[in-house]
Amino acid sequence: MTFTGIPLAALDFYEDLEADNSKSFWTAHKHVYDESVRAPVEALAAELSAEFGTAKIFRPYRDVRFAKDKTPYKTAQGVWFGETSCYVHISAEGIMIAGGYWQTTGAQVVRLRRAVGDDVAGPALERALATLRQAKFDIGGTQIARVPSGFDKDHPRADLLNYKTLTAHRQLGAPAWLSTKRASNEITKAFRSLAPLTTWLDTNVGHDLS
């Protein structure tokens, strides 16, 4: 299937699903999900994979075994390009682009903090994040309340030392190009703009395969 855009029917589907997150609604409208969400997202993932690596298209079903929230369906369709740490999802709000490390092992956290504290790598990260903020990305991630042990509480990058995971995201809404084939080019540009962060993370933190 050739990618021709994300139809606005996909956004409408998720708006309705947020209002009625039930099996009966899902069963009655699954054809809308298949045609307006799943199919174009699969086509998009195939088109982007040449540059950004193999895509993982997330299942629409929530794992509610240990969750207080028992609603059965996710209200966004996400696609993760693990090789380049890029992510895109579609929801009632439109399209959201993100990148970075959402999950880290203990060893990765150690490497992250060591790099943040380094006199060369640390300032390089600050520049990368400044570039992303200029591109209207929001910086996020899991943080601890205090500067970790082993570092001066008055460290010039104390705020960054608190991060255990580090990400950037931008909510783009529903621009006119979303429902056209131009969406692939716009998403590609957004993914490329995440490179200052993802490259820094790959160089200084790396993926922990163990």
C-alpha atoms as a PDB file:
ATOM      1  CA  MET A   1       0.000   0.000   0.000  1.00  0.00           C
ATOM      2  CA  THR A   2       1.284   3.459  -0.954  1.00  0.00           C
ATOM      3  CA  PHE A   3       1.188   6.081   1.773  1.00  0.00           C
ATOM      4  CA  THR A   4      -1.182   8.927   0.903  1.00  0.00           C
ATOM      5  CA  GLY A   5      -1.593  10.568   4.306  1.00  0.00           C
ATOM      6  CA  ILE A   6      -3.355  10.089   7.624  1.00  0.00           C
ATOM      7  CA  PRO A   7      -7.069  10.728   7.060  1.00  0.00           C
ATOM      8  CA  LEU A   8      -8.913  13.002   9.448  1.00  0.00           C
ATOM      9  CA  ALA A   9     -11.203  10.035  10.069  1.00  0.00           C
ATOM     10  CA  ALA A  10      -8.366   8.632  12.194  1.00  0.00           C
ATOM     11  CA  LEU A  11      -8.546  11.633  14.534  1.00  0.00           C
ATOM     12  CA  ASP A  12     -12.329  11.410  14.649  1.00  0.00           C
ATOM     13  CA  PHE A  13     -12.066   7.717  15.513  1.00  0.00           C
ATOM     14  CA  TYR A  14      -9.862   8.423  18.521  1.00  0.00           C
ATOM     15  CA  GLU A  15     -12.060  11.296  19.669  1.00  0.00           C
ATOM     16  CA  ASP A  16     -15.015   8.912  19.677  1.00  0.00           C
ATOM     17  CA  LEU A  17     -12.962   6.188  21.368  1.00  0.00           C
ATOM     18  CA  GLU A  18     -12.020   8.575  24.172  1.00  0.00           C
ATOM     19  CA  ALA A  19     -15.731   9.157  24.747  1.00  0.00           C
ATOM     20  CA  ASP A  20     -16.647   5.455  24.609  1.00  0.00           C
ATOM     21  CA  ASN A  21     -13.684   3.183  25.320  1.00  0.00           C
ATOM     22  CA  SER A  22     -15.683  -0.031  25.267  1.00  0.00           C
ATOM     23  CA  LYS A  23     -15.601  -3.347  23.478  1.00  0.00           C
ATOM     24  CA  SER A  24     -18.963  -2.667  21.888  1.00  0.00           C
ATOM     25  CA  PHE A  25     -17.743   0.594  20.368  1.00  0.00           C
ATOM     26  CA  TRP A  26     -14.523  -1.039  19.190  1.00  0.00           C
ATOM     27  CA  THR A  27     -16.341  -3.939  17.580  1.00  0.00           C
ATOM     28  CA  ALA A  28     -18.752  -1.631  15.785  1.00  0.00           C
ATOM     29  CA  HIS A  29     -16.008   0.693  14.529  1.00  0.00           C
ATOM     30  CA  LYS A  30     -13.038  -1.622  14.033  1.00  0.00           C
ATOM     31  CA  HIS A  31     -13.361  -1.231  10.272  1.00  0.00           C
ATOM     32  CA  VAL A  32     -12.670   2.500  10.740  1.00  0.00           C
ATOM     33  CA  TYR A  33      -9.531   1.678  12.745  1.00  0.00           C
ATOM     34  CA  ASP A  34      -8.365  -0.823  10.127  1.00  0.00           C
ATOM     35  CA  GLU A  35      -8.960   1.498   7.170  1.00  0.00           C
ATOM     36  CA  SER A  36      -8.199   4.952   8.571  1.00  0.00           C
ATOM     37  CA  VAL A  37      -5.585   4.224  11.238  1.00  0.00           C
ATOM     38  CA  ARG A  38      -3.847   0.884  10.855  1.00  0.00           C
ATOM     39  CA  ALA A  39      -3.511   0.770   7.060  1.00  0.00           C
ATOM     40  CA  PRO A  40      -2.075   4.288   6.542  1.00  0.00           C
ATOM     41  CA  VAL A  41       0.214   3.910   9.572  1.00  0.00           C
ATOM     42  CA  GLU A  42       1.592   0.642   8.180  1.00  0.00           C
ATOM     43  CA  ALA A  43       2.185   2.334   4.827  1.00  0.00           C
ATOM     44  CA  LEU A  44       3.922   5.251   6.567  1.00  0.00           C
ATOM     45  CA  ALA A  45       6.120   2.914   8.603  1.00  0.00           C
ATOM     46  CA  ALA A  46       7.173   1.038   5.471  1.00  0.00           C
ATOM     47  CA  GLU A  47       8.061   4.297   3.722  1.00  0.00           C
ATOM     48  CA  LEU A  48      10.120   5.648   6.625  1.00  0.00           C
ATOM     49  CA  SER A  49      11.916   2.399   7.424  1.00  0.00           C
ATOM     50  CA  ALA A  50      14.542   2.883   4.700  1.00  0.00           C
ATOM     51  CA  GLU A  51      15.989   5.864   6.581  1.00  0.00           C
ATOM     52  CA  PHE A  52      14.964   5.254  10.188  1.00  0.00           C
ATOM     53  CA  GLY A  53      15.076   1.477  10.510  1.00  0.00           C
ATOM     54  CA  THR A  54      12.538  -1.235  11.177  1.00  0.00           C
ATOM     55  CA  ALA A  55       9.341   0.063  12.711  1.00  0.00           C
ATOM     56  CA  LYS A  56       7.380  -1.411  15.587  1.00  0.00           C
ATOM     57  CA  ILE A  57       3.678  -0.659  15.281  1.00  0.00           C
ATOM     58  CA  PHE A  58       2.114  -0.879  18.706  1.00  0.00           C
ATOM     59  CA  ARG A  59      -0.948  -2.967  19.408  1.00  0.00           C
ATOM     60  CA  PRO A  60      -4.185  -1.036  20.009  1.00  0.00           C
ATOM     61  CA  TYR A  61      -5.006  -3.042  23.134  1.00  0.00           C
ATOM     62  CA  ARG A  62      -3.957  -1.929  26.600  1.00  0.00           C
ATOM     63  CA  ASP A  63      -2.414  -4.328  29.122  1.00  0.00           C
ATOM     64  CA  VAL A  64      -4.833  -3.868  32.017  1.00  0.00           C
ATOM     65  CA  ARG A  65      -3.705  -6.781  34.192  1.00  0.00           C
ATOM     66  CA  PHE A  66      -2.064  -4.589  36.818  1.00  0.00           C
ATOM     67  CA  ALA A  67      -3.562  -1.220  35.915  1.00  0.00           C
ATOM     68  CA  LYS A  68      -6.151   0.723  37.879  1.00  0.00           C
ATOM     69  CA  ASP A  69      -7.475   2.049  34.589  1.00  0.00           C
ATOM     70  CA  LYS A  70      -9.268  -0.879  32.994  1.00  0.00           C
ATOM     71  CA  THR A  71     -10.236   0.792  29.711  1.00  0.00           C
ATOM     72  CA  PRO A  72      -9.279  -1.787  27.084  1.00  0.00           C
ATOM     73  CA  TYR A  73      -8.023   0.311  24.170  1.00  0.00           C
ATOM     74  CA  LYS A  74      -5.206   2.771  23.649  1.00  0.00           C
ATOM     75  CA  THR A  75      -6.314   6.222  22.528  1.00  0.00           C
ATOM     76  CA  ALA A  76      -3.340   6.686  20.200  1.00  0.00           C
ATOM     77  CA  GLN A  77      -1.606   4.611  17.539  1.00  0.00           C
ATOM     78  CA  GLY A  78       2.141   4.669  18.046  1.00  0.00           C
ATOM     79  CA  VAL A  79       5.041   3.658  15.827  1.00  0.00           C
ATOM     80  CA  TRP A  80       8.558   3.227  17.237  1.00  0.00           C
ATOM     81  CA  PHE A  81      11.747   3.206  15.158  1.00  0.00           C
ATOM     82  CA  GLY A  82      14.105   1.636  17.673  1.00  0.00           C
ATOM     83  CA  GLU A  83      17.303   1.862  15.641  1.00  0.00           C
ATOM     84  CA  THR A  84      17.073   5.654  15.511  1.00  0.00           C
ATOM     85  CA  SER A  85      15.039   6.222  18.708  1.00  0.00           C
ATOM     86  CA  CYS A  86      12.252   8.053  16.858  1.00  0.00           C
ATOM     87  CA  TYR A  87       8.532   7.800  17.572  1.00  0.00           C
ATOM     88  CA  VAL A  88       5.309   9.088  16.030  1.00  0.00           C
ATOM     89  CA  HIS A  89       1.731   8.677  17.103  1.00  0.00           C
ATOM     90  CA  ILE A  90      -1.745   9.617  15.976  1.00  0.00           C
ATOM     91  CA  SER A  91      -4.495  10.538  18.425  1.00  0.00           C
ATOM     92  CA  ALA A  92      -7.548  12.769  18.651  1.00  0.00           C
ATOM     93  CA  GLU A  93      -5.133  15.710  19.047  1.00  0.00           C
ATOM     94  CA  GLY A  94      -3.420  14.924  15.769  1.00  0.00           C
ATOM     95  CA  ILE A  95       0.192  13.914  15.237  1.00  0.00           C
ATOM     96  CA  MET A  96       2.971  13.874  17.808  1.00  0.00           C
ATOM     97  CA  ILE A  97       6.679  13.395  17.059  1.00  0.00           C
ATOM     98  CA  ALA A  98       9.214  12.309  19.668  1.00  0.00           C
ATOM     99  CA  GLY A  99      12.665  10.882  20.134  1.00  0.00           C
ATOM    100  CA  GLY A 100      15.147   9.829  22.785  1.00  0.00           C
ATOM    101  CA  TYR A 101      15.468   7.122  25.431  1.00  0.00           C
ATOM    102  CA  TRP A 102      12.190   6.339  27.225  1.00  0.00           C
ATOM    103  CA  GLN A 103      13.515   3.352  29.158  1.00  0.00           C
ATOM    104  CA  THR A 104      17.003   2.907  30.586  1.00  0.00           C
ATOM    105  CA  THR A 105      18.833   0.259  32.547  1.00  0.00           C
ATOM    106  CA  GLY A 106      20.879   1.063  35.622  1.00  0.00           C
ATOM    107  CA  ALA A 107      24.055   0.912  33.537  1.00  0.00           C
ATOM    108  CA  GLN A 108      22.624   3.362  31.024  1.00  0.00           C
ATOM    109  CA  VAL A 109      21.706   5.801  33.783  1.00  0.00           C
ATOM    110  CA  VAL A 110      25.287   5.652  35.057  1.00  0.00           C
ATOM    111  CA  ARG A 111      26.608   6.418  31.569  1.00  0.00           C
ATOM    112  CA  LEU A 112      24.067   9.208  31.100  1.00  0.00           C
ATOM    113  CA  ARG A 113      25.079  10.952  34.308  1.00  0.00           C
ATOM    114  CA  ARG A 114      28.771  10.487  33.613  1.00  0.00           C
ATOM    115  CA  ALA A 115      28.347  12.100  30.190  1.00  0.00           C
ATOM    116  CA  VAL A 116      26.245  14.964  31.551  1.00  0.00           C
ATOM    117  CA  GLY A 117      28.971  15.644  34.088  1.00  0.00           C
ATOM    118  CA  ASP A 118      31.744  15.524  31.504  1.00  0.00           C
ATOM    119  CA  ASP A 119      33.264  18.874  30.496  1.00  0.00           C
ATOM    120  CA  VAL A 120      32.930  18.080  26.790  1.00  0.00           C
ATOM    121  CA  ALA A 121      29.882  15.810  26.468  1.00  0.00           C
ATOM    122  CA  GLY A 122      27.826  17.799  28.994  1.00  0.00           C
ATOM    123  CA  PRO A 123      27.976  21.139  27.146  1.00  0.00           C
ATOM    124  CA  ALA A 124      27.349  19.269  23.880  1.00  0.00           C
ATOM    125  CA  LEU A 125      24.078  17.976  25.338  1.00  0.00           C
ATOM    126  CA  GLU A 126      23.102  21.473  26.444  1.00  0.00           C
ATOM    127  CA  ARG A 127      23.631  22.700  22.877  1.00  0.00           C
ATOM    128  CA  ALA A 128      21.616  19.789  21.479  1.00  0.00           C
ATOM    129  CA  LEU A 129      18.704  20.519  23.788  1.00  0.00           C
ATOM    130  CA  ALA A 130      18.851  24.236  22.982  1.00  0.00           C
ATOM    131  CA  THR A 131      18.610  23.374  19.283  1.00  0.00           C
ATOM    132  CA  LEU A 132      15.555  21.212  19.926  1.00  0.00           C
ATOM    133  CA  ARG A 133      13.852  23.886  22.006  1.00  0.00           C
ATOM    134  CA  GLN A 134      14.388  26.345  19.159  1.00  0.00           C
ATOM    135  CA  ALA A 135      12.649  23.800  16.918  1.00  0.00           C
ATOM    136  CA  LYS A 136       9.705  23.890  19.373  1.00  0.00           C
ATOM    137  CA  PHE A 137      10.332  20.507  20.962  1.00  0.00           C
ATOM    138  CA  ASP A 138       9.599  20.013  24.664  1.00  0.00           C
ATOM    139  CA  ILE A 139      12.248  18.200  26.694  1.00  0.00           C
ATOM    140  CA  GLY A 140      11.095  15.464  29.064  1.00  0.00           C
ATOM    141  CA  GLY A 141      12.051  12.277  30.833  1.00  0.00           C
ATOM    142  CA  THR A 142      12.005  10.596  34.220  1.00  0.00           C
ATOM    143  CA  GLN A 143      13.726  12.681  36.883  1.00  0.00           C
ATOM    144  CA  ILE A 144      14.767  12.248  40.492  1.00  0.00           C
ATOM    145  CA  ALA A 145      14.212  14.977  43.075  1.00  0.00           C
ATOM    146  CA  ARG A 146      17.839  15.657  43.972  1.00  0.00           C
ATOM    147  CA  VAL A 147      21.216  15.711  42.289  1.00  0.00           C
ATOM    148  CA  PRO A 148      22.501  12.107  42.439  1.00  0.00           C
ATOM    149  CA  SER A 149      25.226  11.163  44.864  1.00  0.00           C
ATOM    150  CA  GLY A 150      28.744  11.660  43.580  1.00  0.00           C
ATOM    151  CA  PHE A 151      27.940  15.030  42.009  1.00  0.00           C
ATOM    152  CA  ASP A 152      28.052  18.511  43.519  1.00  0.00           C
ATOM    153  CA  LYS A 153      24.556  19.814  44.211  1.00  0.00           C
ATOM    154  CA  ASP A 154      25.709  23.098  42.669  1.00  0.00           C
ATOM    155  CA  HIS A 155      26.922  21.433  39.484  1.00  0.00           C
ATOM    156  CA  PRO A 156      26.313  23.724  36.457  1.00  0.00           C
ATOM    157  CA  ARG A 157      24.213  20.965  34.849  1.00  0.00           C
ATOM    158  CA  ALA A 158      22.498  19.803  38.024  1.00  0.00           C
ATOM    159  CA  ASP A 159      19.104  19.862  36.299  1.00  0.00           C
ATOM    160  CA  LEU A 160      20.312  17.441  33.619  1.00  0.00           C
ATOM    161  CA  LEU A 161      21.990  15.152  36.143  1.00  0.00           C
ATOM    162  CA  ASN A 162      18.556  14.457  37.606  1.00  0.00           C
ATOM    163  CA  TYR A 163      17.365  12.715  34.437  1.00  0.00           C
ATOM    164  CA  LYS A 164      17.174   8.934  34.280  1.00  0.00           C
ATOM    165  CA  THR A 165      15.571   8.984  30.835  1.00  0.00           C
ATOM    166  CA  LEU A 166      15.730  11.813  28.305  1.00  0.00           C
ATOM    167  CA  THR A 167      13.297  12.575  25.503  1.00  0.00           C
ATOM    168  CA  ALA A 168      12.008  15.359  23.288  1.00  0.00           C
ATOM    169  CA  HIS A 169       8.545  15.646  21.790  1.00  0.00           C
ATOM    170  CA  ARG A 170       6.443  18.035  19.757  1.00  0.00           C
ATOM    171  CA  GLN A 171       2.681  18.007  19.306  1.00  0.00           C
ATOM    172  CA  LEU A 172       1.927  19.134  15.758  1.00  0.00           C
ATOM    173  CA  GLY A 173      -1.857  18.908  15.871  1.00  0.00           C
ATOM    174  CA  ALA A 174      -3.702  18.419  12.594  1.00  0.00           C
ATOM    175  CA  PRO A 175      -1.897  20.480   9.932  1.00  0.00           C
ATOM    176  CA  ALA A 176      -3.349  20.568   6.427  1.00  0.00           C
ATOM    177  CA  TRP A 177      -0.618  18.234   5.156  1.00  0.00           C
ATOM    178  CA  LEU A 178      -1.503  15.424   7.581  1.00  0.00           C
ATOM    179  CA  SER A 179      -4.055  13.877   5.234  1.00  0.00           C
ATOM    180  CA  THR A 180      -1.762  14.122   2.204  1.00  0.00           C
ATOM    181  CA  LYS A 181       1.339  12.249   1.060  1.00  0.00           C
ATOM    182  CA  ARG A 182       3.364  15.301   2.151  1.00  0.00           C
ATOM    183  CA  ALA A 183       2.992  14.004   5.711  1.00  0.00           C
ATOM    184  CA  SER A 184       5.807  11.528   5.081  1.00  0.00           C
ATOM    185  CA  ASN A 185       8.227  14.349   4.205  1.00  0.00           C
ATOM    186  CA  GLU A 186       7.156  16.452   7.195  1.00  0.00           C
ATOM    187  CA  ILE A 187       7.612  13.542   9.597  1.00  0.00           C
ATOM    188  CA  THR A 188      10.981  12.775   8.045  1.00  0.00           C
ATOM    189  CA  LYS A 189      12.102  16.376   8.629  1.00  0.00           C
ATOM    190  CA  ALA A 190      10.899  16.239  12.224  1.00  0.00           C
ATOM    191  CA  PHE A 191      12.742  12.968  12.837  1.00  0.00           C
ATOM    192  CA  ARG A 192      15.931  14.421  11.375  1.00  0.00           C
ATOM    193  CA  SER A 193      15.625  17.447  13.649  1.00  0.00           C
ATOM    194  CA  LEU A 194      15.787  15.067  16.642  1.00  0.00           C
ATOM    195  CA  ALA A 195      19.267  13.914  15.607  1.00  0.00           C
ATOM    196  CA  PRO A 196      21.179  16.248  17.995  1.00  0.00           C
ATOM    197  CA  LEU A 197      19.612  14.413  20.946  1.00  0.00           C
ATOM    198  CA  THR A 198      19.411  10.878  19.593  1.00  0.00           C
ATOM    199  CA  THR A 199      22.979  10.985  18.269  1.00  0.00           C
ATOM    200  CA  TRP A 200      24.259  12.294  21.600  1.00  0.00           C
ATOM    201  CA  LEU A 201      22.427   9.535  23.473  1.00  0.00           C
ATOM    202  CA  ASP A 202      23.665   6.813  21.120  1.00  0.00           C
ATOM    203  CA  THR A 203      27.243   8.083  21.419  1.00  0.00           C
ATOM    204  CA  ASN A 204      27.356   8.655  25.165  1.00  0.00           C
ATOM    205  CA  VAL A 205      24.757   6.275  26.622  1.00  0.00           C
ATOM    206  CA  GLY A 206      24.130   3.591  24.017  1.00  0.00           C
ATOM    207  CA  HIS A 207      21.639   0.753  23.999  1.00  0.00           C
ATOM    208  CA  ASP A 208      22.119  -1.878  26.692  1.00  0.00           C
ATOM    209  CA  LEU A 209      21.450  -5.205  25.001  1.00  0.00           C
ATOM    210  CA  SER A 210      21.983  -7.227  28.160  1.00  0.00           C
END
